[in-house]
Structures are given as structure tokens and as C-alpha cells.
N, C-alpha and C. Protein backbone atom coordinates (compact mmCIF):
# COMPACT_ATOMS: atom_id res chain seq x y z
N MET A 1 0.28 -8.64 -0.19
CA MET A 1 -0.48 -10.31 -0.41
C MET A 1 -1.75 -10.26 0.85
N LYS A 2 -2.44 -11.38 -0.37
CA LYS A 2 -3.55 -11.33 -0.51
C LYS A 2 -4.33 -12.55 1.09
N ALA A 3 -3.36 -13.73 1.63
CA ALA A 3 -3.84 -14.36 2.06
C ALA A 3 -2.49 -14.34 3.16
N PRO A 4 -2.70 -14.50 4.61
CA PRO A 4 -1.76 -14.29 6.00
C PRO A 4 -0.19 -14.61 5.73
N LEU A 5 0.25 -14.22 6.03
CA LEU A 5 2.04 -15.01 5.79
C LEU A 5 1.88 -15.87 7.32
N HIS A 6 2.91 -17.64 6.49
CA HIS A 6 2.96 -17.88 7.79
C HIS A 6 4.01 -18.09 8.09
N LEU A 7 3.93 -18.34 10.05
CA LEU A 7 5.06 -17.96 10.52
C LEU A 7 5.33 -19.25 12.17
N THR A 8 6.21 -19.61 11.88
CA THR A 8 6.32 -21.10 13.25
C THR A 8 7.67 -20.18 14.23
N SER A 9 6.79 -20.06 15.50
CA SER A 9 7.50 -20.34 16.90
C SER A 9 8.97 -20.20 16.69
N LEU A 10 9.70 -20.87 16.03
CA LEU A 10 10.76 -20.26 15.20
C LEU A 10 11.76 -19.09 14.46
N ASN A 11 10.58 -18.69 13.52
CA ASN A 11 10.50 -17.49 12.63
C ASN A 11 10.25 -16.18 13.71
N ARG A 12 9.36 -16.66 15.13
CA ARG A 12 8.87 -15.63 15.78
C ARG A 12 9.69 -15.04 16.56
N PHE A 13 10.47 -15.84 16.90
CA PHE A 13 11.39 -16.36 18.29
C PHE A 13 13.06 -15.53 17.48
N GLU A 14 13.00 -15.89 15.91
CA GLU A 14 14.35 -15.68 15.74
C GLU A 14 14.42 -13.78 15.09
N LEU A 15 13.14 -13.22 14.69
CA LEU A 15 12.64 -11.98 14.58
C LEU A 15 12.86 -11.35 15.53
N ILE A 16 11.93 -11.53 16.38
CA ILE A 16 11.72 -11.15 17.83
C ILE A 16 13.47 -10.75 18.70
N ASN A 17 14.85 -12.02 18.57
CA ASN A 17 15.65 -12.25 19.28
C ASN A 17 16.54 -10.77 18.32
N ALA A 18 16.61 -11.21 16.82
CA ALA A 18 17.13 -10.32 16.02
C ALA A 18 16.89 -8.72 15.99
N ILE A 19 15.50 -8.38 16.49
CA ILE A 19 15.00 -6.67 16.70
C ILE A 19 15.50 -6.07 17.83
N GLN A 20 16.15 -7.52 19.08
CA GLN A 20 16.56 -7.62 20.24
C GLN A 20 17.88 -6.69 20.28
N LEU A 21 18.05 -8.06 19.47
CA LEU A 21 20.54 -7.66 18.75
C LEU A 21 20.30 -6.04 18.48
N ALA A 22 19.67 -6.14 17.28
CA ALA A 22 19.80 -4.75 16.95
C ALA A 22 19.80 -3.53 17.62
N VAL A 23 18.88 -3.47 18.73
CA VAL A 23 18.72 -2.49 19.70
C VAL A 23 20.35 -2.57 20.49
N PHE A 24 20.26 -4.04 20.54
CA PHE A 24 22.16 -3.95 21.59
C PHE A 24 23.54 -3.76 21.23
N ARG A 25 23.56 -3.62 19.86
CA ARG A 25 24.35 -3.22 18.58
C ARG A 25 24.34 -1.94 18.41
N GLU A 26 23.51 -1.54 18.68
CA GLU A 26 23.22 -0.16 18.08
C GLU A 26 22.84 -0.01 15.98
N ALA A 27 21.81 -1.15 15.77
CA ALA A 27 22.23 -0.94 14.19
C ALA A 27 20.62 0.17 15.08
N ILE A 28 20.31 -0.22 15.11
CA ILE A 28 18.19 0.27 15.63
C ILE A 28 18.30 1.44 16.86
N ALA A 29 18.21 1.99 16.58
CA ALA A 29 17.87 2.79 18.53
C ALA A 29 16.60 2.02 18.92
N LYS A 30 16.42 2.14 20.68
CA LYS A 30 16.02 1.48 21.39
C LYS A 30 13.67 1.31 20.94
N SER A 31 14.05 2.39 20.54
CA SER A 31 12.61 2.91 19.99
C SER A 31 11.94 2.20 18.48
N ALA A 32 12.82 2.74 17.74
CA ALA A 32 12.48 1.25 16.68
C ALA A 32 12.20 -0.32 16.73
N GLY A 33 13.69 -0.41 17.45
CA GLY A 33 13.33 -1.46 17.97
C GLY A 33 11.33 -1.91 18.92
N LEU A 34 10.92 -1.12 19.69
CA LEU A 34 9.94 -1.43 20.52
C LEU A 34 8.86 -1.29 19.16
N ARG A 35 8.95 0.00 18.28
CA ARG A 35 7.90 0.24 17.40
C ARG A 35 7.87 -1.07 16.39
N ALA A 36 9.10 -1.60 16.09
CA ALA A 36 9.34 -2.71 16.05
C ALA A 36 8.44 -4.18 16.17
N LEU A 37 8.45 -3.76 17.81
CA LEU A 37 7.81 -5.18 18.07
C LEU A 37 6.79 -5.17 18.05
N GLU A 38 6.57 -3.87 18.11
CA GLU A 38 4.87 -3.10 18.78
C GLU A 38 4.32 -3.83 17.39
N ARG A 39 4.62 -3.59 15.49
CA ARG A 39 4.21 -3.97 14.69
C ARG A 39 4.61 -5.22 14.53
N LEU A 40 5.03 -5.90 14.51
CA LEU A 40 4.87 -7.47 14.94
C LEU A 40 3.70 -8.02 15.03
N ALA A 41 3.97 -8.15 16.97
CA ALA A 41 2.77 -8.01 17.43
C ALA A 41 1.09 -7.57 17.02
N ALA A 42 1.50 -6.80 16.73
CA ALA A 42 0.42 -5.88 16.09
C ALA A 42 -0.77 -6.85 14.72
N ASN A 43 0.70 -7.62 14.08
CA ASN A 43 0.48 -8.11 12.82
C ASN A 43 0.03 -9.79 12.82
N ILE A 44 0.46 -9.85 13.97
CA ILE A 44 -0.32 -11.61 14.44
C ILE A 44 -1.67 -11.12 15.40
N ASN A 45 -2.06 -10.34 16.25
CA ASN A 45 -3.59 -9.97 16.18
C ASN A 45 -4.23 -10.00 15.09
N CYS A 46 -4.07 -9.66 14.38
CA CYS A 46 -5.04 -9.05 13.61
C CYS A 46 -5.35 -10.22 12.71
N GLY A 47 -3.89 -10.80 12.03
CA GLY A 47 -4.20 -12.04 11.70
C GLY A 47 -3.26 -11.79 10.14
N ALA A 48 -2.87 -11.17 9.93
CA ALA A 48 -1.96 -10.65 9.00
C ALA A 48 -0.90 -11.87 8.98
N LEU A 49 -0.13 -11.57 10.04
CA LEU A 49 1.27 -13.44 9.94
C LEU A 49 0.10 -13.67 10.89
N VAL A 50 0.44 -14.93 11.18
CA VAL A 50 -0.55 -16.51 11.18
C VAL A 50 0.75 -17.84 12.01
N VAL A 51 0.95 -17.59 12.71
CA VAL A 51 1.69 -18.32 13.72
C VAL A 51 1.74 -20.13 14.26
N LEU A 52 1.55 -20.78 13.06
CA LEU A 52 1.21 -22.11 13.55
C LEU A 52 2.24 -23.12 14.37
N PRO A 53 1.02 -24.10 14.64
CA PRO A 53 1.56 -25.47 15.52
C PRO A 53 2.78 -25.60 14.88
N CYS A 54 3.38 -25.90 15.86
CA CYS A 54 4.54 -27.67 14.94
C CYS A 54 4.67 -28.86 16.42
N ASP A 55 4.94 -29.76 15.54
CA ASP A 55 5.48 -31.50 16.54
C ASP A 55 7.27 -31.53 16.25
N TRP A 56 8.12 -30.44 17.79
CA TRP A 56 8.72 -29.99 17.97
C TRP A 56 9.32 -32.27 17.74
N ALA A 57 8.68 -32.41 17.85
CA ALA A 57 9.65 -34.36 17.79
C ALA A 57 9.99 -34.52 15.96
N ALA A 58 8.51 -34.20 15.66
CA ALA A 58 9.16 -34.60 14.24
C ALA A 58 9.92 -33.58 13.75
N VAL A 59 9.76 -32.19 13.88
CA VAL A 59 10.91 -31.75 13.59
C VAL A 59 12.37 -31.70 13.59
N HIS A 60 11.94 -32.17 15.02
CA HIS A 60 13.90 -32.48 15.21
C HIS A 60 14.00 -33.40 14.48
N GLY A 61 13.64 -35.01 14.59
CA GLY A 61 12.95 -36.17 12.96
C GLY A 61 13.43 -35.56 11.98
N ARG A 62 13.09 -34.78 10.88
CA ARG A 62 13.64 -34.50 10.09
C ARG A 62 14.33 -34.07 10.02
N ALA A 63 14.59 -32.86 10.40
CA ALA A 63 15.98 -31.89 10.65
C ALA A 63 17.40 -32.80 10.86
N LEU A 64 17.22 -34.19 11.19
CA LEU A 64 18.11 -35.46 11.57
C LEU A 64 18.60 -35.58 10.67
N GLN A 65 17.12 -35.89 9.60
CA GLN A 65 17.40 -37.00 8.34
C GLN A 65 18.40 -35.50 7.19
N ILE A 66 17.20 -34.65 7.37
CA ILE A 66 18.21 -33.56 6.39
C ILE A 66 19.76 -33.38 7.00
N ALA A 67 19.85 -32.93 7.41
CA ALA A 67 21.57 -33.18 8.47
C ALA A 67 22.79 -34.07 8.23
N LEU A 68 21.65 -34.95 7.92
CA LEU A 68 23.01 -36.55 7.99
C LEU A 68 22.83 -37.19 6.35
N HIS A 69 22.20 -35.71 5.29
CA HIS A 69 21.63 -36.08 4.05
C HIS A 69 22.56 -35.44 3.09
N HIS A 70 22.90 -33.95 4.01
CA HIS A 70 22.96 -32.40 3.26
C HIS A 70 24.60 -31.26 3.67
N THR A 71 24.53 -31.64 5.60
CA THR A 71 25.77 -30.59 5.40
C THR A 71 26.82 -31.71 5.80
N GLY A 72 27.46 -32.56 5.79
CA GLY A 72 28.66 -33.39 4.69
C GLY A 72 28.81 -32.92 3.88
N LYS A 73 27.68 -32.34 2.55
CA LYS A 73 28.55 -32.73 1.26
C LYS A 73 28.35 -30.78 1.83
N SER A 74 27.80 -30.08 1.98
CA SER A 74 27.62 -29.01 1.81
C SER A 74 27.55 -27.79 2.90
N GLY A 75 27.93 -28.18 4.27
CA GLY A 75 27.65 -27.10 4.95
C GLY A 75 26.60 -26.26 5.64
N TYR A 76 25.51 -27.00 5.93
CA TYR A 76 24.67 -26.00 6.34
C TYR A 76 24.68 -26.37 8.14
N ARG A 77 24.33 -24.61 8.88
CA ARG A 77 23.50 -24.25 9.85
C ARG A 77 22.46 -24.92 11.12
N GLY A 78 22.19 -24.80 12.05
CA GLY A 78 21.75 -25.99 12.65
C GLY A 78 20.55 -25.60 12.56
N PHE A 79 20.58 -23.85 12.44
CA PHE A 79 19.18 -23.20 12.41
C PHE A 79 18.37 -23.15 11.48
N ASP A 80 19.02 -22.98 9.88
CA ASP A 80 18.67 -23.52 9.05
C ASP A 80 18.20 -24.56 8.67
N ILE A 81 18.25 -26.12 9.42
CA ILE A 81 18.45 -26.58 8.49
C ILE A 81 16.81 -26.99 9.02
N LEU A 82 16.60 -26.61 10.65
CA LEU A 82 15.25 -26.27 11.48
C LEU A 82 14.46 -26.18 10.72
N HIS A 83 15.07 -24.76 10.14
CA HIS A 83 13.47 -23.88 9.62
C HIS A 83 12.83 -24.73 8.29
N VAL A 84 13.74 -25.39 7.19
CA VAL A 84 13.79 -26.14 6.77
C VAL A 84 12.69 -27.38 6.65
N ALA A 85 13.03 -27.60 7.95
CA ALA A 85 13.17 -29.01 8.72
C ALA A 85 11.31 -28.77 8.84
N MET A 86 11.30 -27.67 9.30
CA MET A 86 10.01 -27.20 9.67
C MET A 86 8.73 -26.40 8.72
N ALA A 87 9.57 -26.27 7.65
CA ALA A 87 8.31 -26.44 6.33
C ALA A 87 7.90 -26.93 5.85
N LEU A 88 9.08 -28.75 6.34
CA LEU A 88 8.72 -29.53 5.29
C LEU A 88 7.74 -30.18 6.52
N GLU A 89 7.95 -30.09 7.50
CA GLU A 89 6.64 -30.79 8.07
C GLU A 89 5.36 -30.14 8.49
N LEU A 90 5.41 -28.65 8.28
CA LEU A 90 3.95 -28.05 7.80
C LEU A 90 3.24 -27.91 6.43
N GLY A 91 4.08 -28.76 5.70
CA GLY A 91 3.39 -29.11 4.43
C GLY A 91 3.77 -27.89 3.81
N ALA A 92 4.39 -26.90 3.52
CA ALA A 92 4.65 -25.96 3.19
C ALA A 92 4.77 -25.98 1.69
N LYS A 93 4.62 -25.50 0.22
CA LYS A 93 5.08 -25.67 -0.95
C LYS A 93 5.74 -24.43 -0.81
N GLU A 94 6.16 -23.35 -0.48
CA GLU A 94 7.29 -22.49 -1.27
C GLU A 94 7.51 -22.53 0.22
N PHE A 95 8.86 -21.48 -0.03
CA PHE A 95 9.70 -21.00 1.14
C PHE A 95 10.34 -19.49 1.33
N LEU A 96 10.50 -18.72 1.93
CA LEU A 96 11.12 -17.12 2.44
C LEU A 96 12.14 -16.68 2.55
N THR A 97 13.12 -16.57 2.05
CA THR A 97 14.38 -16.16 2.82
C THR A 97 14.94 -15.47 2.18
N PHE A 98 16.38 -14.82 2.72
CA PHE A 98 16.72 -13.71 2.17
C PHE A 98 18.48 -14.76 2.45
N ASP A 99 18.43 -15.50 2.57
CA ASP A 99 19.93 -16.61 3.35
C ASP A 99 20.18 -17.25 1.36
N ALA A 100 21.38 -17.78 1.22
CA ALA A 100 22.11 -17.59 0.08
C ALA A 100 21.44 -19.42 1.08
N LYS A 101 22.87 -19.52 1.45
CA LYS A 101 22.69 -21.06 2.24
C LYS A 101 21.19 -21.67 2.25
N GLN A 102 19.79 -21.20 2.83
CA GLN A 102 19.61 -21.65 3.24
C GLN A 102 18.27 -21.98 2.48
N THR A 103 18.45 -20.63 1.04
CA THR A 103 18.00 -21.26 -0.57
C THR A 103 18.66 -22.61 -1.17
N GLN A 104 19.95 -22.62 -0.82
CA GLN A 104 20.42 -23.87 -1.57
C GLN A 104 19.66 -25.14 -0.99
N LEU A 105 19.69 -25.57 0.82
CA LEU A 105 18.83 -26.37 1.13
C LEU A 105 17.45 -26.41 0.92
N ALA A 106 17.07 -24.96 1.23
CA ALA A 106 14.80 -25.60 1.23
C ALA A 106 15.11 -25.83 -0.02
N LYS A 107 15.78 -25.38 -1.36
CA LYS A 107 15.75 -26.39 -3.16
C LYS A 107 16.08 -27.83 -2.82
N ALA A 108 16.90 -27.23 -2.33
CA ALA A 108 18.35 -29.37 -2.39
C ALA A 108 17.12 -30.33 -1.79
N VAL A 109 15.92 -30.04 -1.34
CA VAL A 109 14.61 -31.00 -0.73
C VAL A 109 13.26 -30.08 -1.47
N GLY A 110 12.99 -29.60 -2.35
CA GLY A 110 11.85 -29.58 -2.55
C GLY A 110 11.53 -28.49 -2.97
N LEU A 111 11.24 -27.17 -1.94
CA LEU A 111 10.51 -25.83 -1.27
C LEU A 111 11.16 -25.15 -2.74
N LYS A 112 9.82 -24.34 -3.03
CA LYS A 112 10.32 -23.00 -4.45
C LYS A 112 10.26 -22.48 -3.34
N VAL A 113 11.65 -21.66 -3.26
CA VAL A 113 12.35 -20.95 -2.76
C VAL A 113 11.32 -19.82 -3.20
N ARG A 114 10.84 -18.23 -2.00
CA ARG A 114 10.91 -17.18 -3.41
C ARG A 114 11.89 -16.32 -2.15
N VAL A 115 12.76 -14.82 -2.95
CA VAL A 115 13.42 -14.44 -2.42
C VAL A 115 12.54 -13.10 -2.14
């Protein structure tokens, strides 16, 4: 990528937690988990990844509106809604995900999804 990849504090939290969970479940070795955490920190420190600040109250308000409009019809999880709401609040035009339901929701609210 030519430009830095934007993350939210929620993305960073989930990524760190997923690495720790993989270590706990013995899906990866502890040393591999530590290396992954170190690479994440290095990518943030060098500017390849940028953690954007957000207005959590605005994100929660947007998430509530998305939930009221979409969850009853399609059954979305809260964290998926938070990720999509945060992208909207930050003015994102593209949304990166590997999750099918999150893709469906992001497209439903007008985001271009890259997988």
C-alpha cells in the first residue's frame, strides 16, 4: 500500500486480543504471538498503521441507529455494528474485512468493501 492503513482503537484492541487468544488456545506459539505484537507496534510506530481517534459517543449513537434499522432483519453482532459505525463516523469510503456478515452490513450502509 502506498498510504498508511487507518485503524481504530477498536481494531487495535481486537487484533491484540485475537493474538493473545490464539496463544491461549495454542493455535500459535507464545513466541509467535510476541513477534506479532512487536510487528504491530513497529508498524504503528513507523506510521504504516495509523490509529485514528474517534468520538465514542457519536460512534455509539450511529451504532444504535444501525442496530435499530438492520439487526432485526439480518441479525448483526454488536462488535460488527461498532466497527461499521466507527468507519462511518470517521468518514471512511472503504472498509476492509474478512467477515461475511460484516461485509453485508458495511455494504448495506453504503461503504465500499475490500476483502
